[in-house]
Full PDB file with SEQRES, HELIX, SHEET, SSBOND, CRYST1, ORIGX, SCALE, CONECT and MASTER records, all heavy atoms in Angstrom:
SEQRES   1 A   43  ARG ALA ALA ALA PHE THR LEU GLU CYS GLU ILE ARG ASP          
SEQRES   2 A   43  GLU GLU HIS THR TYR LEU THR ALA GLU THR LEU ILE VAL          
SEQRES   3 A   43  ALA PHE ASP LEU ALA MET ASN ARG VAL ARG ARG LEU THR          
SEQRES   4 A   43  ASP GLY GLU ILE                                              
SHEET    1 AA1 2 ALA A   4  ARG A  12  0                                        
SHEET    2 AA1 2 THR A  17  VAL A  26 -1                                        
SHEET    1 AA2 2 PHE A  28  ASP A  29  0                                        
SHEET    2 AA2 2 ARG A  34  VAL A  35 -1                                        
CRYST1    1.000    1.000    1.000  90.00  90.00  90.00 P 1           1          
ORIGX1      1.000000  0.000000  0.000000        0.00000                         
ORIGX2      0.000000  1.000000  0.000000        0.00000                         
ORIGX3      0.000000  0.000000  1.000000        0.00000                         
SCALE1      1.000000  0.000000  0.000000        0.00000                         
SCALE2      0.000000  1.000000  0.000000        0.00000                         
SCALE3      0.000000  0.000000  1.000000        0.00000                         
ATOM      1  N   ARG A   1       0.854  -1.196   0.000  1.00  0.00           N  
ATOM      2  CA  ARG A   1       0.000   0.000   0.000  1.00  0.00           C  
ATOM      3  C   ARG A   1       0.884   1.238   0.000  1.00  0.00           C  
ATOM      4  O   ARG A   1       2.104   1.125  -0.045  1.00  0.00           O  
ATOM      5  CB  ARG A   1      -0.925  -0.032   1.205  1.00  0.00           C  
ATOM      6  CG  ARG A   1      -1.924  -1.203   1.125  1.00  0.00           C  
ATOM      7  CD  ARG A   1      -2.843  -1.244   2.296  1.00  0.00           C  
ATOM      8  NE  ARG A   1      -2.065  -1.664   3.465  1.00  0.00           N  
ATOM      9  CZ  ARG A   1      -2.581  -2.026   4.611  1.00  0.00           C  
ATOM     10  NH1 ARG A   1      -3.865  -1.995   4.798  1.00  0.00           N  
ATOM     11  NH2 ARG A   1      -1.821  -2.405   5.614  1.00  0.00           N  
ATOM     12  N   ALA A   2       0.300   2.386   0.085  1.00  0.00           N  
ATOM     13  CA  ALA A   2       1.054   3.637  -0.014  1.00  0.00           C  
ATOM     14  C   ALA A   2       2.114   3.786   1.074  1.00  0.00           C  
ATOM     15  O   ALA A   2       3.207   4.293   0.815  1.00  0.00           O  
ATOM     16  CB  ALA A   2       0.094   4.830   0.031  1.00  0.00           C  
ATOM     17  N   ALA A   3       1.807   3.338   2.279  1.00  0.00           N  
ATOM     18  CA  ALA A   3       2.730   3.533   3.395  1.00  0.00           C  
ATOM     19  C   ALA A   3       3.011   2.251   4.171  1.00  0.00           C  
ATOM     20  O   ALA A   3       3.601   2.295   5.244  1.00  0.00           O  
ATOM     21  CB  ALA A   3       2.165   4.585   4.351  1.00  0.00           C  
ATOM     22  N   ALA A   4       2.607   1.111   3.638  1.00  0.00           N  
ATOM     23  CA  ALA A   4       2.779  -0.143   4.375  1.00  0.00           C  
ATOM     24  C   ALA A   4       2.806  -1.322   3.416  1.00  0.00           C  
ATOM     25  O   ALA A   4       2.399  -1.216   2.261  1.00  0.00           O  
ATOM     26  CB  ALA A   4       1.634  -0.315   5.367  1.00  0.00           C  
ATOM     27  N   PHE A   5       3.279  -2.446   3.941  1.00  0.00           N  
ATOM     28  CA  PHE A   5       3.221  -3.699   3.185  1.00  0.00           C  
ATOM     29  C   PHE A   5       3.032  -4.854   4.149  1.00  0.00           C  
ATOM     30  O   PHE A   5       3.337  -4.747   5.335  1.00  0.00           O  
ATOM     31  CB  PHE A   5       4.442  -3.892   2.286  1.00  0.00           C  
ATOM     32  CG  PHE A   5       5.767  -3.914   3.000  1.00  0.00           C  
ATOM     33  CD1 PHE A   5       6.340  -5.118   3.370  1.00  0.00           C  
ATOM     34  CD2 PHE A   5       6.451  -2.734   3.268  1.00  0.00           C  
ATOM     35  CE1 PHE A   5       7.568  -5.150   4.008  1.00  0.00           C  
ATOM     36  CE2 PHE A   5       7.681  -2.755   3.904  1.00  0.00           C  
ATOM     37  CZ  PHE A   5       8.243  -3.958   4.271  1.00  0.00           C  
ATOM     38  N   THR A   6       2.497  -5.945   3.618  1.00  0.00           N  
ATOM     39  CA  THR A   6       2.215  -7.132   4.414  1.00  0.00           C  
ATOM     40  C   THR A   6       3.081  -8.280   3.925  1.00  0.00           C  
ATOM     41  O   THR A   6       3.186  -8.516   2.716  1.00  0.00           O  
ATOM     42  CB  THR A   6       0.725  -7.522   4.297  1.00  0.00           C  
ATOM     43  OG1 THR A   6      -0.065  -6.409   4.704  1.00  0.00           O  
ATOM     44  CG2 THR A   6       0.403  -8.724   5.171  1.00  0.00           C  
ATOM     45  N   LEU A   7       3.682  -8.982   4.874  1.00  0.00           N  
ATOM     46  CA  LEU A   7       4.469 -10.167   4.579  1.00  0.00           C  
ATOM     47  C   LEU A   7       3.716 -11.408   5.022  1.00  0.00           C  
ATOM     48  O   LEU A   7       3.133 -11.430   6.108  1.00  0.00           O  
ATOM     49  CB  LEU A   7       5.798 -10.144   5.340  1.00  0.00           C  
ATOM     50  CG  LEU A   7       6.798  -9.061   4.996  1.00  0.00           C  
ATOM     51  CD1 LEU A   7       7.990  -9.146   5.944  1.00  0.00           C  
ATOM     52  CD2 LEU A   7       7.260  -9.202   3.561  1.00  0.00           C  
ATOM     53  N   GLU A   8       3.741 -12.436   4.201  1.00  0.00           N  
ATOM     54  CA  GLU A   8       3.260 -13.759   4.600  1.00  0.00           C  
ATOM     55  C   GLU A   8       4.500 -14.598   4.845  1.00  0.00           C  
ATOM     56  O   GLU A   8       5.426 -14.615   4.015  1.00  0.00           O  
ATOM     57  CB  GLU A   8       2.388 -14.368   3.511  1.00  0.00           C  
ATOM     58  CG  GLU A   8       1.066 -13.646   3.374  1.00  0.00           C  
ATOM     59  CD  GLU A   8       0.182 -14.226   2.287  1.00  0.00           C  
ATOM     60  OE1 GLU A   8       0.667 -15.028   1.452  1.00  0.00           O  
ATOM     61  OE2 GLU A   8      -0.995 -13.853   2.259  1.00  0.00           O  
ATOM     62  N   CYS A   9       4.540 -15.284   5.976  1.00  0.00           N  
ATOM     63  CA  CYS A   9       5.752 -15.963   6.416  1.00  0.00           C  
ATOM     64  C   CYS A   9       5.464 -17.394   6.837  1.00  0.00           C  
ATOM     65  O   CYS A   9       4.370 -17.698   7.323  1.00  0.00           O  
ATOM     66  CB  CYS A   9       6.360 -15.239   7.616  1.00  0.00           C  
ATOM     67  SG  CYS A   9       6.418 -13.449   7.482  1.00  0.00           S  
ATOM     68  N   GLU A  10       6.466 -18.228   6.668  1.00  0.00           N  
ATOM     69  CA  GLU A  10       6.422 -19.611   7.155  1.00  0.00           C  
ATOM     70  C   GLU A  10       7.787 -19.963   7.708  1.00  0.00           C  
ATOM     71  O   GLU A  10       8.809 -19.531   7.165  1.00  0.00           O  
ATOM     72  CB  GLU A  10       6.141 -20.602   6.035  1.00  0.00           C  
ATOM     73  CG  GLU A  10       4.758 -20.648   5.511  1.00  0.00           C  
ATOM     74  CD  GLU A  10       4.610 -21.769   4.482  1.00  0.00           C  
ATOM     75  OE1 GLU A  10       5.592 -22.140   3.816  1.00  0.00           O  
ATOM     76  OE2 GLU A  10       3.483 -22.266   4.373  1.00  0.00           O  
ATOM     77  N   ILE A  11       7.787 -20.750   8.758  1.00  0.00           N  
ATOM     78  CA  ILE A  11       9.009 -21.399   9.224  1.00  0.00           C  
ATOM     79  C   ILE A  11       8.787 -22.877   8.982  1.00  0.00           C  
ATOM     80  O   ILE A  11       7.819 -23.455   9.479  1.00  0.00           O  
ATOM     81  CB  ILE A  11       9.301 -21.094  10.701  1.00  0.00           C  
ATOM     82  CG1 ILE A  11       9.546 -19.589  10.883  1.00  0.00           C  
ATOM     83  CG2 ILE A  11      10.505 -21.911  11.191  1.00  0.00           C  
ATOM     84  CD1 ILE A  11       9.783 -19.162  12.316  1.00  0.00           C  
ATOM     85  N   ARG A  12       9.690 -23.478   8.188  1.00  0.00           N  
ATOM     86  CA  ARG A  12       9.445 -24.850   7.751  1.00  0.00           C  
ATOM     87  C   ARG A  12      10.744 -25.556   7.408  1.00  0.00           C  
ATOM     88  O   ARG A  12      11.795 -24.937   7.304  1.00  0.00           O  
ATOM     89  CB  ARG A  12       8.481 -24.871   6.576  1.00  0.00           C  
ATOM     90  CG  ARG A  12       8.970 -24.153   5.319  1.00  0.00           C  
ATOM     91  CD  ARG A  12       8.054 -24.350   4.110  1.00  0.00           C  
ATOM     92  NE  ARG A  12       7.939 -25.754   3.811  1.00  0.00           N  
ATOM     93  CZ  ARG A  12       6.781 -26.457   3.865  1.00  0.00           C  
ATOM     94  NH1 ARG A  12       5.663 -25.851   4.149  1.00  0.00           N  
ATOM     95  NH2 ARG A  12       6.757 -27.737   3.600  1.00  0.00           N  
ATOM     96  N   ASP A  13      10.622 -26.846   7.196  1.00  0.00           N  
ATOM     97  CA  ASP A  13      11.687 -27.630   6.589  1.00  0.00           C  
ATOM     98  C   ASP A  13      11.046 -28.402   5.442  1.00  0.00           C  
ATOM     99  O   ASP A  13       9.917 -28.082   5.038  1.00  0.00           O  
ATOM    100  CB  ASP A  13      12.405 -28.531   7.604  1.00  0.00           C  
ATOM    101  CG  ASP A  13      11.485 -29.510   8.314  1.00  0.00           C  
ATOM    102  OD1 ASP A  13      10.404 -29.867   7.779  1.00  0.00           O  
ATOM    103  OD2 ASP A  13      11.844 -29.947   9.431  1.00  0.00           O  
ATOM    104  N   GLU A  14      11.718 -29.394   4.925  1.00  0.00           N  
ATOM    105  CA  GLU A  14      11.166 -30.124   3.775  1.00  0.00           C  
ATOM    106  C   GLU A  14       9.931 -30.939   4.128  1.00  0.00           C  
ATOM    107  O   GLU A  14       9.111 -31.233   3.262  1.00  0.00           O  
ATOM    108  CB  GLU A  14      12.244 -31.018   3.163  1.00  0.00           C  
ATOM    109  CG  GLU A  14      13.339 -30.221   2.485  1.00  0.00           C  
ATOM    110  CD  GLU A  14      14.365 -31.107   1.817  1.00  0.00           C  
ATOM    111  OE1 GLU A  14      14.128 -32.322   1.674  1.00  0.00           O  
ATOM    112  OE2 GLU A  14      15.415 -30.570   1.434  1.00  0.00           O  
ATOM    113  N   GLU A  15       9.781 -31.293   5.407  1.00  0.00           N  
ATOM    114  CA  GLU A  15       8.663 -32.148   5.810  1.00  0.00           C  
ATOM    115  C   GLU A  15       7.521 -31.426   6.516  1.00  0.00           C  
ATOM    116  O   GLU A  15       6.367 -31.815   6.363  1.00  0.00           O  
ATOM    117  CB  GLU A  15       9.173 -33.255   6.746  1.00  0.00           C  
ATOM    118  CG  GLU A  15      10.140 -34.205   6.089  1.00  0.00           C  
ATOM    119  CD  GLU A  15      10.633 -35.257   7.065  1.00  0.00           C  
ATOM    120  OE1 GLU A  15       9.849 -35.665   7.947  1.00  0.00           O  
ATOM    121  OE2 GLU A  15      11.797 -35.661   6.946  1.00  0.00           O  
ATOM    122  N   HIS A  16       7.838 -30.390   7.292  1.00  0.00           N  
ATOM    123  CA  HIS A  16       6.817 -29.805   8.161  1.00  0.00           C  
ATOM    124  C   HIS A  16       6.845 -28.282   8.136  1.00  0.00           C  
ATOM    125  O   HIS A  16       7.881 -27.670   7.931  1.00  0.00           O  
ATOM    126  CB  HIS A  16       7.030 -30.254   9.613  1.00  0.00           C  
ATOM    127  CG  HIS A  16       7.046 -31.724   9.802  1.00  0.00           C  
ATOM    128  ND1 HIS A  16       5.939 -32.516   9.636  1.00  0.00           N  
ATOM    129  CD2 HIS A  16       8.049 -32.567  10.127  1.00  0.00           C  
ATOM    130  CE1 HIS A  16       6.244 -33.771   9.860  1.00  0.00           C  
ATOM    131  NE2 HIS A  16       7.532 -33.843  10.151  1.00  0.00           N  
ATOM    132  N   THR A  17       5.682 -27.713   8.404  1.00  0.00           N  
ATOM    133  CA  THR A  17       5.559 -26.283   8.665  1.00  0.00           C  
ATOM    134  C   THR A  17       5.372 -26.122  10.169  1.00  0.00           C  
ATOM    135  O   THR A  17       4.503 -26.760  10.767  1.00  0.00           O  
ATOM    136  CB  THR A  17       4.351 -25.689   7.915  1.00  0.00           C  
ATOM    137  OG1 THR A  17       4.569 -25.879   6.509  1.00  0.00           O  
ATOM    138  CG2 THR A  17       4.181 -24.212   8.216  1.00  0.00           C  
ATOM    139  N   TYR A  18       6.183 -25.265  10.774  1.00  0.00           N  
ATOM    140  CA  TYR A  18       6.156 -25.068  12.220  1.00  0.00           C  
ATOM    141  C   TYR A  18       5.397 -23.802  12.617  1.00  0.00           C  
ATOM    142  O   TYR A  18       4.857 -23.715  13.709  1.00  0.00           O  
ATOM    143  CB  TYR A  18       7.579 -25.019  12.772  1.00  0.00           C  
ATOM    144  CG  TYR A  18       8.331 -26.285  12.468  1.00  0.00           C  
ATOM    145  CD1 TYR A  18       9.154 -26.377  11.348  1.00  0.00           C  
ATOM    146  CD2 TYR A  18       8.173 -27.407  13.268  1.00  0.00           C  
ATOM    147  CE1 TYR A  18       9.816 -27.561  11.040  1.00  0.00           C  
ATOM    148  CE2 TYR A  18       8.835 -28.595  12.964  1.00  0.00           C  
ATOM    149  CZ  TYR A  18       9.645 -28.664  11.854  1.00  0.00           C  
ATOM    150  OH  TYR A  18      10.289 -29.838  11.547  1.00  0.00           O  
ATOM    151  N   LEU A  19       5.363 -22.846  11.703  1.00  0.00           N  
ATOM    152  CA  LEU A  19       4.716 -21.574  11.993  1.00  0.00           C  
ATOM    153  C   LEU A  19       4.271 -20.929  10.693  1.00  0.00           C  
ATOM    154  O   LEU A  19       4.982 -20.996   9.688  1.00  0.00           O  
ATOM    155  CB  LEU A  19       5.720 -20.626  12.693  1.00  0.00           C  
ATOM    156  CG  LEU A  19       5.205 -19.207  12.922  1.00  0.00           C  
ATOM    157  CD1 LEU A  19       4.780 -19.054  14.365  1.00  0.00           C  
ATOM    158  CD2 LEU A  19       6.252 -18.183  12.571  1.00  0.00           C  
ATOM    159  N   THR A  20       3.094 -20.328  10.720  1.00  0.00           N  
ATOM    160  CA  THR A  20       2.684 -19.407   9.661  1.00  0.00           C  
ATOM    161  C   THR A  20       2.456 -18.062  10.336  1.00  0.00           C  
ATOM    162  O   THR A  20       2.040 -18.002  11.507  1.00  0.00           O  
ATOM    163  CB  THR A  20       1.408 -19.867   8.918  1.00  0.00           C  
ATOM    164  OG1 THR A  20       0.344 -20.000   9.862  1.00  0.00           O  
ATOM    165  CG2 THR A  20       1.643 -21.186   8.209  1.00  0.00           C  
ATOM    166  N   ALA A  21       2.754 -16.996   9.637  1.00  0.00           N  
ATOM    167  CA  ALA A  21       2.636 -15.670  10.244  1.00  0.00           C  
ATOM    168  C   ALA A  21       2.308 -14.641   9.179  1.00  0.00           C  
ATOM    169  O   ALA A  21       2.559 -14.844   7.983  1.00  0.00           O  
ATOM    170  CB  ALA A  21       3.934 -15.288  10.948  1.00  0.00           C  
ATOM    171  N   GLU A  22       1.749 -13.550   9.638  1.00  0.00           N  
ATOM    172  CA  GLU A  22       1.498 -12.394   8.780  1.00  0.00           C  
ATOM    173  C   GLU A  22       2.006 -11.171   9.526  1.00  0.00           C  
ATOM    174  O   GLU A  22       1.726 -11.011  10.723  1.00  0.00           O  
ATOM    175  CB  GLU A  22       0.011 -12.264   8.475  1.00  0.00           C  
ATOM    176  CG  GLU A  22      -0.278 -11.192   7.444  1.00  0.00           C  
ATOM    177  CD  GLU A  22      -1.725 -11.197   7.017  1.00  0.00           C  
ATOM    178  OE1 GLU A  22      -2.096 -12.043   6.191  1.00  0.00           O  
ATOM    179  OE2 GLU A  22      -2.467 -10.351   7.544  1.00  0.00           O  
ATOM    180  N   THR A  23       2.781 -10.349   8.830  1.00  0.00           N  
ATOM    181  CA  THR A  23       3.397  -9.181   9.448  1.00  0.00           C  
ATOM    182  C   THR A  23       3.053  -7.941   8.629  1.00  0.00           C  
ATOM    183  O   THR A  23       3.295  -7.914   7.419  1.00  0.00           O  
ATOM    184  CB  THR A  23       4.933  -9.345   9.525  1.00  0.00           C  
ATOM    185  OG1 THR A  23       5.238 -10.580  10.172  1.00  0.00           O  
ATOM    186  CG2 THR A  23       5.568  -8.203  10.283  1.00  0.00           C  
ATOM    187  N   LEU A  24       2.504  -6.929   9.294  1.00  0.00           N  
ATOM    188  CA  LEU A  24       2.231  -5.634   8.667  1.00  0.00           C  
ATOM    189  C   LEU A  24       3.361  -4.694   9.047  1.00  0.00           C  
ATOM    190  O   LEU A  24       3.635  -4.476  10.237  1.00  0.00           O  
ATOM    191  CB  LEU A  24       0.893  -5.070   9.140  1.00  0.00           C  
ATOM    192  CG  LEU A  24       0.557  -3.664   8.645  1.00  0.00           C  
ATOM    193  CD1 LEU A  24       0.402  -3.645   7.128  1.00  0.00           C  
ATOM    194  CD2 LEU A  24      -0.688  -3.140   9.338  1.00  0.00           C  
ATOM    195  N   ILE A  25       4.023  -4.153   8.038  1.00  0.00           N  
ATOM    196  CA  ILE A  25       5.143  -3.246   8.248  1.00  0.00           C  
ATOM    197  C   ILE A  25       4.800  -1.888   7.666  1.00  0.00           C  
ATOM    198  O   ILE A  25       4.312  -1.799   6.528  1.00  0.00           O  
ATOM    199  CB  ILE A  25       6.425  -3.807   7.602  1.00  0.00           C  
ATOM    200  CG1 ILE A  25       6.747  -5.148   8.258  1.00  0.00           C  
ATOM    201  CG2 ILE A  25       7.574  -2.823   7.727  1.00  0.00           C  
ATOM    202  CD1 ILE A  25       7.944  -5.844   7.710  1.00  0.00           C  
ATOM    203  N   VAL A  26       5.034  -0.843   8.442  1.00  0.00           N  
ATOM    204  CA  VAL A  26       4.765   0.517   7.965  1.00  0.00           C  
ATOM    205  C   VAL A  26       6.082   1.251   7.736  1.00  0.00           C  
ATOM    206  O   VAL A  26       7.059   1.048   8.458  1.00  0.00           O  
ATOM    207  CB  VAL A  26       3.875   1.327   8.943  1.00  0.00           C  
ATOM    208  CG1 VAL A  26       2.508   0.706   9.070  1.00  0.00           C  
ATOM    209  CG2 VAL A  26       4.519   1.459  10.296  1.00  0.00           C  
ATOM    210  N   ALA A  27       6.093   2.075   6.709  1.00  0.00           N  
ATOM    211  CA  ALA A  27       7.220   2.964   6.468  1.00  0.00           C  
ATOM    212  C   ALA A  27       7.119   4.085   7.498  1.00  0.00           C  
ATOM    213  O   ALA A  27       6.033   4.626   7.728  1.00  0.00           O  
ATOM    214  CB  ALA A  27       7.147   3.521   5.042  1.00  0.00           C  
ATOM    215  N   PHE A  28       8.236   4.417   8.134  1.00  0.00           N  
ATOM    216  CA  PHE A  28       8.168   5.345   9.260  1.00  0.00           C  
ATOM    217  C   PHE A  28       9.339   6.307   9.258  1.00  0.00           C  
ATOM    218  O   PHE A  28      10.479   5.927   8.983  1.00  0.00           O  
ATOM    219  CB  PHE A  28       8.154   4.551  10.581  1.00  0.00           C  
ATOM    220  CG  PHE A  28       7.556   5.293  11.723  1.00  0.00           C  
ATOM    221  CD1 PHE A  28       6.180   5.361  11.875  1.00  0.00           C  
ATOM    222  CD2 PHE A  28       8.356   5.931  12.645  1.00  0.00           C  
ATOM    223  CE1 PHE A  28       5.609   6.053  12.934  1.00  0.00           C  
ATOM    224  CE2 PHE A  28       7.797   6.630  13.710  1.00  0.00           C  
ATOM    225  CZ  PHE A  28       6.425   6.689  13.856  1.00  0.00           C  
ATOM    226  N   ASP A  29       9.043   7.564   9.555  1.00  0.00           N  
ATOM    227  CA  ASP A  29      10.037   8.614   9.710  1.00  0.00           C  
ATOM    228  C   ASP A  29      10.249   8.786  11.213  1.00  0.00           C  
ATOM    229  O   ASP A  29       9.400   9.358  11.909  1.00  0.00           O  
ATOM    230  CB  ASP A  29       9.523   9.905   9.068  1.00  0.00           C  
ATOM    231  CG  ASP A  29      10.498  11.063   9.173  1.00  0.00           C  
ATOM    232  OD1 ASP A  29      11.319  11.096  10.122  1.00  0.00           O  
ATOM    233  OD2 ASP A  29      10.430  11.961   8.312  1.00  0.00           O  
ATOM    234  N   LEU A  30      11.360   8.251  11.726  1.00  0.00           N  
ATOM    235  CA  LEU A  30      11.626   8.323  13.162  1.00  0.00           C  
ATOM    236  C   LEU A  30      11.928   9.749  13.620  1.00  0.00           C  
ATOM    237  O   LEU A  30      11.618  10.111  14.746  1.00  0.00           O  
ATOM    238  CB  LEU A  30      12.790   7.397  13.533  1.00  0.00           C  
ATOM    239  CG  LEU A  30      12.518   5.907  13.385  1.00  0.00           C  
ATOM    240  CD1 LEU A  30      13.815   5.112  13.495  1.00  0.00           C  
ATOM    241  CD2 LEU A  30      11.527   5.444  14.429  1.00  0.00           C  
ATOM    242  N   ALA A  31      12.533  10.560  12.751  1.00  0.00           N  
ATOM    243  CA  ALA A  31      12.849  11.944  13.114  1.00  0.00           C  
ATOM    244  C   ALA A  31      11.581  12.757  13.342  1.00  0.00           C  
ATOM    245  O   ALA A  31      11.508  13.567  14.269  1.00  0.00           O  
ATOM    246  CB  ALA A  31      13.717  12.589  12.039  1.00  0.00           C  
ATOM    247  N   MET A  32      10.561  12.535  12.512  1.00  0.00           N  
ATOM    248  CA  MET A  32       9.293  13.259  12.637  1.00  0.00           C  
ATOM    249  C   MET A  32       8.266  12.481  13.464  1.00  0.00           C  
ATOM    250  O   MET A  32       7.185  12.990  13.744  1.00  0.00           O  
ATOM    251  CB  MET A  32       8.718  13.551  11.244  1.00  0.00           C  
ATOM    252  CG  MET A  32       9.611  14.417  10.376  1.00  0.00           C  
ATOM    253  SD  MET A  32       9.812  16.078  11.030  1.00  0.00           S  
ATOM    254  CE  MET A  32       8.204  16.740  10.693  1.00  0.00           C  
ATOM    255  N   ASN A  33       8.585  11.220  13.787  1.00  0.00           N  
ATOM    256  CA  ASN A  33       7.697  10.355  14.561  1.00  0.00           C  
ATOM    257  C   ASN A  33       6.332  10.188  13.891  1.00  0.00           C  
ATOM    258  O   ASN A  33       5.287  10.361  14.511  1.00  0.00           O  
ATOM    259  CB  ASN A  33       7.543  10.862  16.001  1.00  0.00           C  
ATOM    260  CG  ASN A  33       6.985   9.796  16.911  1.00  0.00           C  
ATOM    261  OD1 ASN A  33       7.271   8.612  16.732  1.00  0.00           O  
ATOM    262  ND2 ASN A  33       6.181  10.197  17.870  1.00  0.00           N  
ATOM    263  N   ARG A  34       6.389   9.826  12.589  1.00  0.00           N  
ATOM    264  CA  ARG A  34       5.137   9.640  11.854  1.00  0.00           C  
ATOM    265  C   ARG A  34       5.328   8.664  10.699  1.00  0.00           C  
ATOM    266  O   ARG A  34       6.434   8.432  10.226  1.00  0.00           O  
ATOM    267  CB  ARG A  34       4.591  10.959  11.338  1.00  0.00           C  
ATOM    268  CG  ARG A  34       5.469  11.652  10.328  1.00  0.00           C  
ATOM    269  CD  ARG A  34       4.864  12.981   9.863  1.00  0.00           C  
ATOM    270  NE  ARG A  34       5.783  13.727   9.049  1.00  0.00           N  
ATOM    271  CZ  ARG A  34       5.905  13.596   7.730  1.00  0.00           C  
ATOM    272  NH1 ARG A  34       5.143  12.760   7.070  1.00  0.00           N  
ATOM    273  NH2 ARG A  34       6.771  14.317   7.059  1.00  0.00           N  
ATOM    274  N   VAL A  35       4.210   8.118  10.271  1.00  0.00           N  
ATOM    275  CA  VAL A  35       4.195   7.241   9.105  1.00  0.00           C  
ATOM    276  C   VAL A  35       4.552   8.072   7.873  1.00  0.00           C  
ATOM    277  O   VAL A  35       4.218   9.258   7.781  1.00  0.00           O  
ATOM    278  CB  VAL A  35       2.795   6.595   8.952  1.00  0.00           C  
ATOM    279  CG1 VAL A  35       2.686   5.801   7.669  1.00  0.00           C  
ATOM    280  CG2 VAL A  35       2.492   5.716  10.159  1.00  0.00           C  
ATOM    281  N   ARG A  36       5.226   7.461   6.928  1.00  0.00           N  
ATOM    282  CA  ARG A  36       5.591   8.124   5.667  1.00  0.00           C  
ATOM    283  C   ARG A  36       5.180   7.223   4.507  1.00  0.00           C  
ATOM    284  O   ARG A  36       4.857   6.064   4.684  1.00  0.00           O  
ATOM    285  CB  ARG A  36       7.096   8.385   5.622  1.00  0.00           C  
ATOM    286  CG  ARG A  36       7.900   7.097   5.611  1.00  0.00           C  
ATOM    287  CD  ARG A  36       9.397   7.343   5.444  1.00  0.00           C  
ATOM    288  NE  ARG A  36      10.119   6.088   5.451  1.00  0.00           N  
ATOM    289  CZ  ARG A  36      10.279   5.289   4.407  1.00  0.00           C  
ATOM    290  NH1 ARG A  36       9.769   5.610   3.226  1.00  0.00           N  
ATOM    291  NH2 ARG A  36      10.943   4.148   4.502  1.00  0.00           N  
ATOM    292  N   ARG A  37       5.201   7.763   3.326  1.00  0.00           N  
ATOM    293  CA  ARG A  37       4.890   6.977   2.127  1.00  0.00           C  
ATOM    294  C   ARG A  37       6.123   6.180   1.703  1.00  0.00           C  
ATOM    295  O   ARG A  37       7.258   6.605   1.891  1.00  0.00           O  
ATOM    296  CB  ARG A  37       4.456   7.903   0.985  1.00  0.00           C  
ATOM    297  CG  ARG A  37       3.140   8.614   1.259  1.00  0.00           C  
ATOM    298  CD  ARG A  37       2.730   9.498   0.106  1.00  0.00           C  
ATOM    299  NE  ARG A  37       2.307   8.744  -1.056  1.00  0.00           N  
ATOM    300  CZ  ARG A  37       1.095   8.229  -1.236  1.00  0.00           C  
ATOM    301  NH1 ARG A  37       0.182   8.357  -0.300  1.00  0.00           N  
ATOM    302  NH2 ARG A  37       0.794   7.579  -2.337  1.00  0.00           N  
ATOM    303  N   LEU A  38       5.876   5.015   1.125  1.00  0.00           N  
ATOM    304  CA  LEU A  38       6.955   4.234   0.534  1.00  0.00           C  
ATOM    305  C   LEU A  38       7.492   4.973  -0.693  1.00  0.00           C  
ATOM    306  O   LEU A  38       6.716   5.580  -1.444  1.00  0.00           O  
ATOM    307  CB  LEU A  38       6.444   2.859   0.100  1.00  0.00           C  
ATOM    308  CG  LEU A  38       6.102   1.884   1.226  1.00  0.00           C  
ATOM    309  CD1 LEU A  38       5.268   0.732   0.697  1.00  0.00           C  
ATOM    310  CD2 LEU A  38       7.365   1.373   1.891  1.00  0.00           C  
ATOM    311  N   THR A  39       8.792   4.905  -0.912  1.00  0.00           N  
ATOM    312  CA  THR A  39       9.378   5.523  -2.100  1.00  0.00           C  
ATOM    313  C   THR A  39       9.221   4.572  -3.292  1.00  0.00           C  
ATOM    314  O   THR A  39       8.978   3.372  -3.121  1.00  0.00           O  
ATOM    315  CB  THR A  39      10.881   5.809  -1.891  1.00  0.00           C  
ATOM    316  OG1 THR A  39      11.576   4.564  -1.778  1.00  0.00           O  
ATOM    317  CG2 THR A  39      11.115   6.678  -0.656  1.00  0.00           C  
ATOM    318  N   ASP A  40       9.396   5.089  -4.479  1.00  0.00           N  
ATOM    319  CA  ASP A  40       9.336   4.247  -5.683  1.00  0.00           C  
ATOM    320  C   ASP A  40      10.394   3.146  -5.630  1.00  0.00           C  
ATOM    321  O   ASP A  40      10.137   2.010  -6.019  1.00  0.00           O  
ATOM    322  CB  ASP A  40       9.516   5.091  -6.947  1.00  0.00           C  
ATOM    323  CG  ASP A  40       8.327   5.995  -7.219  1.00  0.00           C  
ATOM    324  OD1 ASP A  40       7.228   5.726  -6.685  1.00  0.00           O  
ATOM    325  OD2 ASP A  40       8.495   6.975  -7.972  1.00  0.00           O  
ATOM    326  N   GLY A  41      11.585   3.480  -5.145  1.00  0.00           N  
ATOM    327  CA  GLY A  41      12.650   2.489  -5.032  1.00  0.00           C  
ATOM    328  C   GLY A  41      12.297   1.379  -4.044  1.00  0.00           C  
ATOM    329  O   GLY A  41      12.593   0.207  -4.287  1.00  0.00           O  
ATOM    330  N   GLU A  42      11.665   1.730  -2.947  1.00  0.00           N  
ATOM    331  CA  GLU A  42      11.241   0.728  -1.971  1.00  0.00           C  
ATOM    332  C   GLU A  42      10.170  -0.188  -2.559  1.00  0.00           C  
ATOM    333  O   GLU A  42      10.211  -1.405  -2.390  1.00  0.00           O  
ATOM    334  CB  GLU A  42      10.727   1.414  -0.706  1.00  0.00           C  
ATOM    335  CG  GLU A  42      11.827   2.084   0.092  1.00  0.00           C  
ATOM    336  CD  GLU A  42      11.332   3.029   1.164  1.00  0.00           C  
ATOM    337  OE1 GLU A  42      10.163   3.491   1.099  1.00  0.00           O  
ATOM    338  OE2 GLU A  42      12.111   3.322   2.084  1.00  0.00           O  
ATOM    339  N   ILE A  43       9.245   0.404  -3.297  1.00  0.00           N  
ATOM    340  CA  ILE A  43       8.188  -0.396  -3.927  1.00  0.00           C  
ATOM    341  C   ILE A  43       8.789  -1.354  -4.948  1.00  0.00           C  
ATOM    342  O   ILE A  43       8.406  -2.526  -5.016  1.00  0.00           O  
ATOM    343  CB  ILE A  43       7.115   0.513  -4.551  1.00  0.00           C  
ATOM    344  CG1 ILE A  43       6.349   1.250  -3.432  1.00  0.00           C  
ATOM    345  CG2 ILE A  43       6.165  -0.283  -5.448  1.00  0.00           C  
ATOM    346  CD1 ILE A  43       5.451   2.360  -3.910  1.00  0.00           C  
TER     347      ILE A  43                                                      
MASTER        0    0    0    0    4    0    0    6  346    1    0    4          
END                                                                             
């Protein structure tokens, strides 16, 4: 999305899946303490 992305994750080996997860990550400007838009290069 404009300021965030979602990861789908698995921890596994060839035989079994041990964990499935979903992670929402936001682009953030720590200096201004606010969410920012993703850059074209990041996208």
